Amino acid sequence: MVRILIAAHKKAKLPQDEIYLPVFVGAANHAGEENLPPYERDDRGDNISVKNPLYCELTGLYYGWKNLNAETLGLVHYRRYFAGKGQKTAGEKDPVGKAFLKILSGSELTEILGRADIILPKKQNYYIETVYSHYAHTHDASQLNLVREIIREKYPEDLGSFDRVMRARTAHMFNMMVMKEPYLSEYLGWLFDLLTELENRFELKETSAYQRRYIGRIAEILINVWLDSRMEEGSLKKEQVAVLPVVYLGRVNWLKKGSAFLRAKFLHRRYKESF
């Protein structure tokens, strides 16, 4: 079975292709509320739904991993998807509508999985920043420092990869992925072990909802570490990984985002919101 989970926290226009399964993430924190999204809930079975304020969309991924018994599992967002070749958009004037038609289809996914075991989004390029310095300027570098210490203790064979990723200026981000077994269980077992240890050790003092999402942000970086380490040891080859563009179903304020990026780098003002 192949399932791509769509992490969502509100009702939205979603692709109807049967490969997609919308999941209401953080459902445990909305008990008794009315008019909730009519999606699969991440608070059933073995779950960490209550941790959604820290883990973000990963509570949906954890739910899918533990409860759906999928041989291939993926994660996207209700406003961010993998791009396929796209359908004709003639007559479609709405930019969001045009983008919607470009979402990866089930048939396209099947073709890609015929030659690859893992699908990741195209890398983000930070140009004037490294992965580490960008995180340090926009969030809390001590979180990354602690992750390094945990990897050194628990997975020393991955420490070199962590350091390489920190020095890099590009990285796969967004916690978007599609992965076949046995890579899926290996990766998620490794990931959630590290994140649980980080949560237990890091004293969270930040009160803003945006900065409390640090677990989810760290995970965005860690998939690069896992990937680099497995390729370095030879258990995963480059040709087994397909990289796809990302479709955004929403308007990104690039001026605002770019300004915040420069303020973070040169004025040391951390991000306060998403863009």
C-alpha atoms as a PDB file:
ATOM      1  CA  MET A   1       0.000   0.000   0.000  1.00  0.00           C
ATOM      2  CA  VAL A   2       1.173   3.506  -0.875  1.00  0.00           C
ATOM      3  CA  ARG A   3      -0.085   6.460   1.131  1.00  0.00           C
ATOM      4  CA  ILE A   4       0.921  10.102   1.014  1.00  0.00           C
ATOM      5  CA  LEU A   5      -0.372  11.879   4.083  1.00  0.00           C
ATOM      6  CA  ILE A   6      -1.554  15.469   3.740  1.00  0.00           C
ATOM      7  CA  ALA A   7      -0.918  17.218   7.052  1.00  0.00           C
ATOM      8  CA  ALA A   8      -3.735  19.708   7.664  1.00  0.00           C
ATOM      9  CA  HIS A   9      -5.095  21.643  10.609  1.00  0.00           C
ATOM     10  CA  LYS A  10      -8.121  23.139   8.838  1.00  0.00           C
ATOM     11  CA  LYS A  11     -10.443  22.457   5.938  1.00  0.00           C
ATOM     12  CA  ALA A  12      -8.907  23.090   2.540  1.00  0.00           C
ATOM     13  CA  LYS A  13      -9.191  22.139  -1.111  1.00  0.00           C
ATOM     14  CA  LEU A  14      -7.314  18.858  -1.411  1.00  0.00           C
ATOM     15  CA  PRO A  15      -6.365  16.548  -4.286  1.00  0.00           C
ATOM     16  CA  GLN A  16      -8.822  13.679  -4.732  1.00  0.00           C
ATOM     17  CA  ASP A  17      -6.298  11.147  -6.022  1.00  0.00           C
ATOM     18  CA  GLU A  18      -6.552   7.964  -3.943  1.00  0.00           C
ATOM     19  CA  ILE A  19      -2.859   8.015  -3.051  1.00  0.00           C
ATOM     20  CA  TYR A  20      -3.501  10.994  -0.768  1.00  0.00           C
ATOM     21  CA  LEU A  21      -4.849  10.709   2.760  1.00  0.00           C
ATOM     22  CA  PRO A  22      -5.585  13.990   4.590  1.00  0.00           C
ATOM     23  CA  VAL A  23      -4.765  13.842   8.303  1.00  0.00           C
ATOM     24  CA  PHE A  24      -5.961  16.347  10.886  1.00  0.00           C
ATOM     25  CA  VAL A  25      -2.763  16.915  12.864  1.00  0.00           C
ATOM     26  CA  GLY A  26      -2.844  17.834  16.536  1.00  0.00           C
ATOM     27  CA  ALA A  27      -6.351  16.426  16.849  1.00  0.00           C
ATOM     28  CA  ALA A  28      -5.798  15.533  20.515  1.00  0.00           C
ATOM     29  CA  ASN A  29      -5.598  19.229  21.333  1.00  0.00           C
ATOM     30  CA  HIS A  30      -9.038  19.968  19.869  1.00  0.00           C
ATOM     31  CA  ALA A  31     -11.255  17.586  21.833  1.00  0.00           C
ATOM     32  CA  GLY A  32     -14.862  18.753  21.982  1.00  0.00           C
ATOM     33  CA  GLU A  33     -14.472  21.470  19.361  1.00  0.00           C
ATOM     34  CA  GLU A  34     -17.011  21.724  16.569  1.00  0.00           C
ATOM     35  CA  ASN A  35     -16.578  21.972  12.784  1.00  0.00           C
ATOM     36  CA  LEU A  36     -13.249  20.169  12.770  1.00  0.00           C
ATOM     37  CA  PRO A  37     -11.856  18.992   9.404  1.00  0.00           C
ATOM     38  CA  PRO A  38     -13.458  15.684   8.318  1.00  0.00           C
ATOM     39  CA  TYR A  39     -10.099  13.994   7.872  1.00  0.00           C
ATOM     40  CA  GLU A  40      -8.273  11.053   9.384  1.00  0.00           C
ATOM     41  CA  ARG A  41      -7.222  12.035  12.919  1.00  0.00           C
ATOM     42  CA  ASP A  42      -3.692  11.650  14.271  1.00  0.00           C
ATOM     43  CA  ASP A  43      -4.865  10.930  17.841  1.00  0.00           C
ATOM     44  CA  ARG A  44      -5.938   7.324  17.258  1.00  0.00           C
ATOM     45  CA  GLY A  45      -3.958   4.175  17.923  1.00  0.00           C
ATOM     46  CA  ASP A  46      -0.269   4.642  18.688  1.00  0.00           C
ATOM     47  CA  ASN A  47       0.175   8.408  18.436  1.00  0.00           C
ATOM     48  CA  ILE A  48       1.933  11.571  19.656  1.00  0.00           C
ATOM     49  CA  SER A  49      -0.873  13.916  18.609  1.00  0.00           C
ATOM     50  CA  VAL A  50      -0.752  15.977  21.802  1.00  0.00           C
ATOM     51  CA  LYS A  51       2.837  17.005  20.942  1.00  0.00           C
ATOM     52  CA  ASN A  52       1.785  18.763  17.733  1.00  0.00           C
ATOM     53  CA  PRO A  53       2.750  22.264  19.017  1.00  0.00           C
ATOM     54  CA  LEU A  54       6.361  21.018  19.143  1.00  0.00           C
ATOM     55  CA  TYR A  55       6.427  18.356  16.433  1.00  0.00           C
ATOM     56  CA  CYS A  56       4.187  20.085  13.853  1.00  0.00           C
ATOM     57  CA  GLU A  57       3.254  17.857  10.890  1.00  0.00           C
ATOM     58  CA  LEU A  58       5.401  15.031  12.286  1.00  0.00           C
ATOM     59  CA  THR A  59       2.529  13.942  14.544  1.00  0.00           C
ATOM     60  CA  GLY A  60       0.713  12.983  11.342  1.00  0.00           C
ATOM     61  CA  LEU A  61       3.751  11.153   9.996  1.00  0.00           C
ATOM     62  CA  TYR A  62       4.163   9.250  13.257  1.00  0.00           C
ATOM     63  CA  TYR A  63       0.489   8.251  13.185  1.00  0.00           C
ATOM     64  CA  GLY A  64       0.774   6.979   9.616  1.00  0.00           C
ATOM     65  CA  TRP A  65       3.951   5.052  10.352  1.00  0.00           C
ATOM     66  CA  LYS A  66       2.562   3.317  13.423  1.00  0.00           C
ATOM     67  CA  ASN A  67      -1.015   2.653  12.297  1.00  0.00           C
ATOM     68  CA  LEU A  68      -1.420   2.438   8.519  1.00  0.00           C
ATOM     69  CA  ASN A  69       0.892  -0.486   7.729  1.00  0.00           C
ATOM     70  CA  ALA A  70       1.955   1.163   4.457  1.00  0.00           C
ATOM     71  CA  GLU A  71       4.864  -0.278   2.507  1.00  0.00           C
ATOM     72  CA  THR A  72       5.475   3.193   1.092  1.00  0.00           C
ATOM     73  CA  LEU A  73       4.583   6.278   3.103  1.00  0.00           C
ATOM     74  CA  GLY A  74       4.908   9.973   2.350  1.00  0.00           C
ATOM     75  CA  LEU A  75       4.144  13.355   3.850  1.00  0.00           C
ATOM     76  CA  VAL A  76       3.107  16.638   2.254  1.00  0.00           C
ATOM     77  CA  HIS A  77       1.185  19.685   3.499  1.00  0.00           C
ATOM     78  CA  TYR A  78      -2.254  21.032   2.668  1.00  0.00           C
ATOM     79  CA  ARG A  79      -0.608  24.006   0.932  1.00  0.00           C
ATOM     80  CA  ARG A  80       2.646  22.385  -0.219  1.00  0.00           C
ATOM     81  CA  TYR A  81       2.968  19.328  -2.468  1.00  0.00           C
ATOM     82  CA  PHE A  82       5.377  17.509  -4.734  1.00  0.00           C
ATOM     83  CA  ALA A  83       5.030  18.689  -8.311  1.00  0.00           C
ATOM     84  CA  GLY A  84       4.236  16.371 -11.181  1.00  0.00           C
ATOM     85  CA  LYS A  85       4.379  17.176 -14.861  1.00  0.00           C
ATOM     86  CA  GLY A  86       1.115  19.076 -14.542  1.00  0.00           C
ATOM     87  CA  GLN A  87      -2.034  19.205 -16.605  1.00  0.00           C
ATOM     88  CA  LYS A  88      -3.032  21.813 -19.140  1.00  0.00           C
ATOM     89  CA  THR A  89      -3.938  25.063 -17.391  1.00  0.00           C
ATOM     90  CA  ALA A  90      -5.540  26.851 -20.338  1.00  0.00           C
ATOM     91  CA  GLY A  91      -8.465  28.936 -19.142  1.00  0.00           C
ATOM     92  CA  GLU A  92      -7.372  28.773 -15.500  1.00  0.00           C
ATOM     93  CA  LYS A  93      -6.725  32.331 -14.349  1.00  0.00           C
ATOM     94  CA  ASP A  94      -6.320  31.788 -10.622  1.00  0.00           C
ATOM     95  CA  PRO A  95      -2.606  31.198  -9.771  1.00  0.00           C
ATOM     96  CA  VAL A  96      -3.595  28.845  -6.954  1.00  0.00           C
ATOM     97  CA  GLY A  97      -5.841  26.905  -9.329  1.00  0.00           C
ATOM     98  CA  LYS A  98      -2.997  26.542 -11.806  1.00  0.00           C
ATOM     99  CA  ALA A  99      -0.701  25.295  -9.076  1.00  0.00           C
ATOM    100  CA  PHE A 100      -3.314  22.769  -7.932  1.00  0.00           C
ATOM    101  CA  LEU A 101      -3.263  21.141 -11.372  1.00  0.00           C
ATOM    102  CA  LYS A 102       0.486  20.554 -11.044  1.00  0.00           C
ATOM    103  CA  ILE A 103       0.278  18.345  -7.941  1.00  0.00           C
ATOM    104  CA  LEU A 104       1.934  14.939  -8.328  1.00  0.00           C
ATOM    105  CA  SER A 105      -0.600  12.338  -9.441  1.00  0.00           C
ATOM    106  CA  GLY A 106      -0.858   8.689  -8.481  1.00  0.00           C
ATOM    107  CA  SER A 107       0.233   7.509 -11.916  1.00  0.00           C
ATOM    108  CA  GLU A 108       3.258   9.809 -11.832  1.00  0.00           C
ATOM    109  CA  LEU A 109       4.140   8.559  -8.360  1.00  0.00           C
ATOM    110  CA  THR A 110       3.942   4.939  -9.520  1.00  0.00           C
ATOM    111  CA  GLU A 111       6.332   5.686 -12.371  1.00  0.00           C
ATOM    112  CA  ILE A 112       8.853   7.351 -10.065  1.00  0.00           C
ATOM    113  CA  LEU A 113       8.663   4.567  -7.482  1.00  0.00           C
ATOM    114  CA  GLY A 114       9.501   2.126 -10.242  1.00  0.00           C
ATOM    115  CA  ARG A 115      13.018   3.533 -10.299  1.00  0.00           C
ATOM    116  CA  ALA A 116      13.488   5.179  -6.880  1.00  0.00           C
ATOM    117  CA  ASP A 117      13.017   4.230  -3.235  1.00  0.00           C
ATOM    118  CA  ILE A 118      12.901   7.741  -1.790  1.00  0.00           C
ATOM    119  CA  ILE A 119      11.393  11.005  -3.033  1.00  0.00           C
ATOM    120  CA  LEU A 120      12.493  14.345  -1.564  1.00  0.00           C
ATOM    121  CA  PRO A 121      11.797  17.988  -2.391  1.00  0.00           C
ATOM    122  CA  LYS A 122      14.294  20.035  -4.357  1.00  0.00           C
ATOM    123  CA  LYS A 123      16.912  21.518  -2.037  1.00  0.00           C
ATOM    124  CA  GLN A 124      16.548  24.997  -0.588  1.00  0.00           C
ATOM    125  CA  ASN A 125      19.535  27.250  -1.310  1.00  0.00           C
ATOM    126  CA  TYR A 126      20.649  29.659   1.413  1.00  0.00           C
ATOM    127  CA  TYR A 127      23.372  31.278  -0.751  1.00  0.00           C
ATOM    128  CA  ILE A 128      24.991  33.540   1.870  1.00  0.00           C
ATOM    129  CA  GLU A 129      24.295  31.236   4.817  1.00  0.00           C
ATOM    130  CA  THR A 130      25.149  27.716   5.868  1.00  0.00           C
ATOM    131  CA  VAL A 131      22.429  25.456   7.220  1.00  0.00           C
ATOM    132  CA  TYR A 132      23.819  26.041  10.713  1.00  0.00           C
ATOM    133  CA  SER A 133      24.198  29.814  10.502  1.00  0.00           C
ATOM    134  CA  HIS A 134      20.733  30.217   8.995  1.00  0.00           C
ATOM    135  CA  TYR A 135      19.199  28.293  11.883  1.00  0.00           C
ATOM    136  CA  ALA A 136      21.328  30.184  14.410  1.00  0.00           C
ATOM    137  CA  HIS A 137      20.184  33.541  13.043  1.00  0.00           C
ATOM    138  CA  THR A 138      16.505  32.667  12.827  1.00  0.00           C
ATOM    139  CA  HIS A 139      16.000  30.280  15.758  1.00  0.00           C
ATOM    140  CA  ASP A 140      18.107  28.923  18.665  1.00  0.00           C
ATOM    141  CA  ALA A 141      21.512  27.451  17.792  1.00  0.00           C
ATOM    142  CA  SER A 142      21.734  25.669  21.149  1.00  0.00           C
ATOM    143  CA  GLN A 143      19.106  23.251  19.864  1.00  0.00           C
ATOM    144  CA  LEU A 144      21.371  22.166  17.012  1.00  0.00           C
ATOM    145  CA  ASN A 145      24.331  21.990  19.368  1.00  0.00           C
ATOM    146  CA  LEU A 146      22.377  19.652  21.621  1.00  0.00           C
ATOM    147  CA  VAL A 147      21.332  17.484  18.678  1.00  0.00           C
ATOM    148  CA  ARG A 148      24.986  17.132  17.740  1.00  0.00           C
ATOM    149  CA  GLU A 149      25.798  15.982  21.256  1.00  0.00           C
ATOM    150  CA  ILE A 150      22.956  13.431  21.169  1.00  0.00           C
ATOM    151  CA  ILE A 151      24.146  12.072  17.809  1.00  0.00           C
ATOM    152  CA  ARG A 152      27.697  11.857  19.132  1.00  0.00           C
ATOM    153  CA  GLU A 153      26.444   9.755  22.041  1.00  0.00           C
ATOM    154  CA  LYS A 154      23.827   7.578  20.350  1.00  0.00           C
ATOM    155  CA  TYR A 155      24.777   7.466  16.652  1.00  0.00           C
ATOM    156  CA  PRO A 156      28.485   8.368  16.420  1.00  0.00           C
ATOM    157  CA  GLU A 157      28.663   6.902  12.912  1.00  0.00           C
ATOM    158  CA  ASP A 158      26.390   9.772  11.764  1.00  0.00           C
ATOM    159  CA  LEU A 159      28.389  12.602  13.350  1.00  0.00           C
ATOM    160  CA  GLY A 160      30.488  13.321  10.264  1.00  0.00           C
ATOM    161  CA  SER A 161      27.325  13.631   8.183  1.00  0.00           C
ATOM    162  CA  PHE A 162      25.794  16.012  10.712  1.00  0.00           C
ATOM    163  CA  ASP A 163      28.830  18.273  10.502  1.00  0.00           C
ATOM    164  CA  ARG A 164      28.801  18.202   6.697  1.00  0.00           C
ATOM    165  CA  VAL A 165      25.135  19.144   6.585  1.00  0.00           C
ATOM    166  CA  MET A 166      25.723  22.006   9.015  1.00  0.00           C
ATOM    167  CA  ARG A 167      28.435  23.411   6.723  1.00  0.00           C
ATOM    168  CA  ALA A 168      26.336  23.048   3.569  1.00  0.00           C
ATOM    169  CA  ARG A 169      24.429  25.906   1.959  1.00  0.00           C
ATOM    170  CA  THR A 170      21.623  23.736   0.605  1.00  0.00           C
ATOM    171  CA  ALA A 171      19.253  21.203   2.166  1.00  0.00           C
ATOM    172  CA  HIS A 172      16.043  19.271   1.555  1.00  0.00           C
ATOM    173  CA  MET A 173      13.458  20.941   3.802  1.00  0.00           C
ATOM    174  CA  PHE A 174       9.729  21.013   4.742  1.00  0.00           C
ATOM    175  CA  ASN A 175       9.613  17.474   6.238  1.00  0.00           C
ATOM    176  CA  MET A 176       8.310  16.331   2.855  1.00  0.00           C
ATOM    177  CA  MET A 177       9.227  12.840   1.746  1.00  0.00           C
ATOM    178  CA  VAL A 178       8.028   9.580   0.228  1.00  0.00           C
ATOM    179  CA  MET A 179       9.889   6.486   1.353  1.00  0.00           C
ATOM    180  CA  LYS A 180       9.690   2.744   0.820  1.00  0.00           C
ATOM    181  CA  GLU A 181      10.359   0.090   3.407  1.00  0.00           C
ATOM    182  CA  PRO A 182      12.811  -0.839   4.849  1.00  0.00           C
ATOM    183  CA  TYR A 183      14.258   2.681   4.612  1.00  0.00           C
ATOM    184  CA  LEU A 184      11.049   4.123   6.040  1.00  0.00           C
ATOM    185  CA  SER A 185      11.162   2.326   9.384  1.00  0.00           C
ATOM    186  CA  GLU A 186      14.911   2.746   9.701  1.00  0.00           C
ATOM    187  CA  TYR A 187      14.709   6.486   9.091  1.00  0.00           C
ATOM    188  CA  LEU A 188      11.669   7.136  11.292  1.00  0.00           C
ATOM    189  CA  GLY A 189      12.988   4.986  14.122  1.00  0.00           C
ATOM    190  CA  TRP A 190      16.246   6.955  14.028  1.00  0.00           C
ATOM    191  CA  LEU A 191      14.481  10.303  13.684  1.00  0.00           C
ATOM    192  CA  PHE A 192      11.946   9.944  16.485  1.00  0.00           C
ATOM    193  CA  ASP A 193      14.571   8.504  18.815  1.00  0.00           C
ATOM    194  CA  LEU A 194      16.686  11.637  18.322  1.00  0.00           C
ATOM    195  CA  LEU A 195      13.732  14.008  18.578  1.00  0.00           C
ATOM    196  CA  THR A 196      12.436  12.393  21.761  1.00  0.00           C
ATOM    197  CA  GLU A 197      15.881  12.698  23.330  1.00  0.00           C
ATOM    198  CA  LEU A 198      16.086  16.348  22.250  1.00  0.00           C
ATOM    199  CA  GLU A 199      12.667  17.079  23.725  1.00  0.00           C
ATOM    200  CA  ASN A 200      13.667  15.442  27.024  1.00  0.00           C
ATOM    201  CA  ARG A 201      16.956  17.342  27.307  1.00  0.00           C
ATOM    202  CA  PHE A 202      16.159  20.793  25.965  1.00  0.00           C
ATOM    203  CA  GLU A 203      14.664  23.234  28.458  1.00  0.00           C
ATOM    204  CA  LEU A 204      12.106  25.135  26.424  1.00  0.00           C
ATOM    205  CA  LYS A 205      11.673  28.678  27.704  1.00  0.00           C
ATOM    206  CA  GLU A 206      10.304  30.268  24.541  1.00  0.00           C
ATOM    207  CA  THR A 207       6.581  31.022  24.843  1.00  0.00           C
ATOM    208  CA  SER A 208       5.713  32.056  21.288  1.00  0.00           C
ATOM    209  CA  ALA A 209       3.869  29.379  19.311  1.00  0.00           C
ATOM    210  CA  TYR A 210       6.172  29.935  16.332  1.00  0.00           C
ATOM    211  CA  GLN A 211       9.428  29.298  18.183  1.00  0.00           C
ATOM    212  CA  ARG A 212       7.938  26.356  20.115  1.00  0.00           C
ATOM    213  CA  ARG A 213       7.875  24.390  16.843  1.00  0.00           C
ATOM    214  CA  TYR A 214      11.585  23.640  17.165  1.00  0.00           C
ATOM    215  CA  ILE A 215      11.228  19.850  17.047  1.00  0.00           C
ATOM    216  CA  GLY A 216       9.589  20.007  13.628  1.00  0.00           C
ATOM    217  CA  ARG A 217      12.268  22.386  12.328  1.00  0.00           C
ATOM    218  CA  ILE A 218      15.132  20.244  13.561  1.00  0.00           C
ATOM    219  CA  ALA A 219      13.582  17.255  11.782  1.00  0.00           C
ATOM    220  CA  GLU A 220      13.677  19.164   8.483  1.00  0.00           C
ATOM    221  CA  ILE A 221      17.449  19.249   8.790  1.00  0.00           C
ATOM    222  CA  LEU A 222      17.931  15.746  10.150  1.00  0.00           C
ATOM    223  CA  ILE A 223      16.643  13.950   7.061  1.00  0.00           C
ATOM    224  CA  ASN A 224      19.669  15.416   5.267  1.00  0.00           C
ATOM    225  CA  VAL A 225      21.951  13.938   7.918  1.00  0.00           C
ATOM    226  CA  TRP A 226      20.383  10.500   7.645  1.00  0.00           C
ATOM    227  CA  LEU A 227      20.568  10.616   3.847  1.00  0.00           C
ATOM    228  CA  ASP A 228      24.206  11.741   3.770  1.00  0.00           C
ATOM    229  CA  SER A 229      25.257   9.074   6.252  1.00  0.00           C
ATOM    230  CA  ARG A 230      23.515   6.231   4.414  1.00  0.00           C
ATOM    231  CA  MET A 231      25.046   7.309   1.116  1.00  0.00           C
ATOM    232  CA  GLU A 232      28.460   7.623   2.726  1.00  0.00           C
ATOM    233  CA  GLU A 233      28.302   4.072   4.091  1.00  0.00           C
ATOM    234  CA  GLY A 234      26.932   2.714   0.801  1.00  0.00           C
ATOM    235  CA  SER A 235      23.579   1.374   2.022  1.00  0.00           C
ATOM    236  CA  LEU A 236      21.800   3.930  -0.178  1.00  0.00           C
ATOM    237  CA  LYS A 237      22.806   5.088  -3.641  1.00  0.00           C
ATOM    238  CA  LYS A 238      22.172   8.449  -5.263  1.00  0.00           C
ATOM    239  CA  GLU A 239      20.088   6.923  -8.048  1.00  0.00           C
ATOM    240  CA  GLN A 240      17.650   5.554  -5.452  1.00  0.00           C
ATOM    241  CA  VAL A 241      16.586   9.095  -4.514  1.00  0.00           C
ATOM    242  CA  ALA A 242      14.322  11.153  -6.762  1.00  0.00           C
ATOM    243  CA  VAL A 243      14.125  14.919  -6.227  1.00  0.00           C
ATOM    244  CA  LEU A 244      11.007  16.846  -7.250  1.00  0.00           C
ATOM    245  CA  PRO A 245      10.022  20.526  -7.309  1.00  0.00           C
ATOM    246  CA  VAL A 246       7.480  21.796  -4.792  1.00  0.00           C
ATOM    247  CA  VAL A 247       4.045  23.226  -5.576  1.00  0.00           C
ATOM    248  CA  TYR A 248       2.813  25.992  -3.251  1.00  0.00           C
ATOM    249  CA  LEU A 249      -0.952  26.471  -2.928  1.00  0.00           C
ATOM    250  CA  GLY A 250      -0.728  29.925  -1.520  1.00  0.00           C
ATOM    251  CA  ARG A 251       0.937  33.209  -2.151  1.00  0.00           C
ATOM    252  CA  VAL A 252       4.373  33.538  -0.569  1.00  0.00           C
ATOM    253  CA  ASN A 253       5.292  37.099   0.334  1.00  0.00           C
ATOM    254  CA  TRP A 254       8.861  36.905  -0.991  1.00  0.00           C
ATOM    255  CA  LEU A 255       9.590  40.542  -0.135  1.00  0.00           C
ATOM    256  CA  LYS A 256       8.574  40.012   3.459  1.00  0.00           C
ATOM    257  CA  LYS A 257      10.402  36.694   3.644  1.00  0.00           C
ATOM    258  CA  GLY A 258      13.566  38.132   2.100  1.00  0.00           C
ATOM    259  CA  SER A 259      13.510  41.126   4.437  1.00  0.00           C
ATOM    260  CA  ALA A 260      13.124  38.862   7.464  1.00  0.00           C
ATOM    261  CA  PHE A 261      16.021  36.710   6.227  1.00  0.00           C
ATOM    262  CA  LEU A 262      18.321  39.739   5.999  1.00  0.00           C
ATOM    263  CA  ARG A 263      17.225  41.100   9.388  1.00  0.00           C
ATOM    264  CA  ALA A 264      17.933  37.705  10.936  1.00  0.00           C
ATOM    265  CA  LYS A 265      21.410  37.494   9.402  1.00  0.00           C
ATOM    266  CA  PHE A 266      22.633  41.046   9.935  1.00  0.00           C
ATOM    267  CA  LEU A 267      20.523  42.314  12.857  1.00  0.00           C
ATOM    268  CA  HIS A 268      20.115  38.988  14.691  1.00  0.00           C
ATOM    269  CA  ARG A 269      16.327  39.257  14.798  1.00  0.00           C
ATOM    270  CA  ARG A 270      14.789  35.793  14.930  1.00  0.00           C
ATOM    271  CA  TYR A 271      11.761  34.863  12.856  1.00  0.00           C
ATOM    272  CA  LYS A 272       8.431  35.450  14.558  1.00  0.00           C
ATOM    273  CA  GLU A 273       6.134  33.878  11.983  1.00  0.00           C
ATOM    274  CA  SER A 274       5.942  31.772   8.836  1.00  0.00           C
ATOM    275  CA  PHE A 275       5.896  33.379   5.404  1.00  0.00           C
END
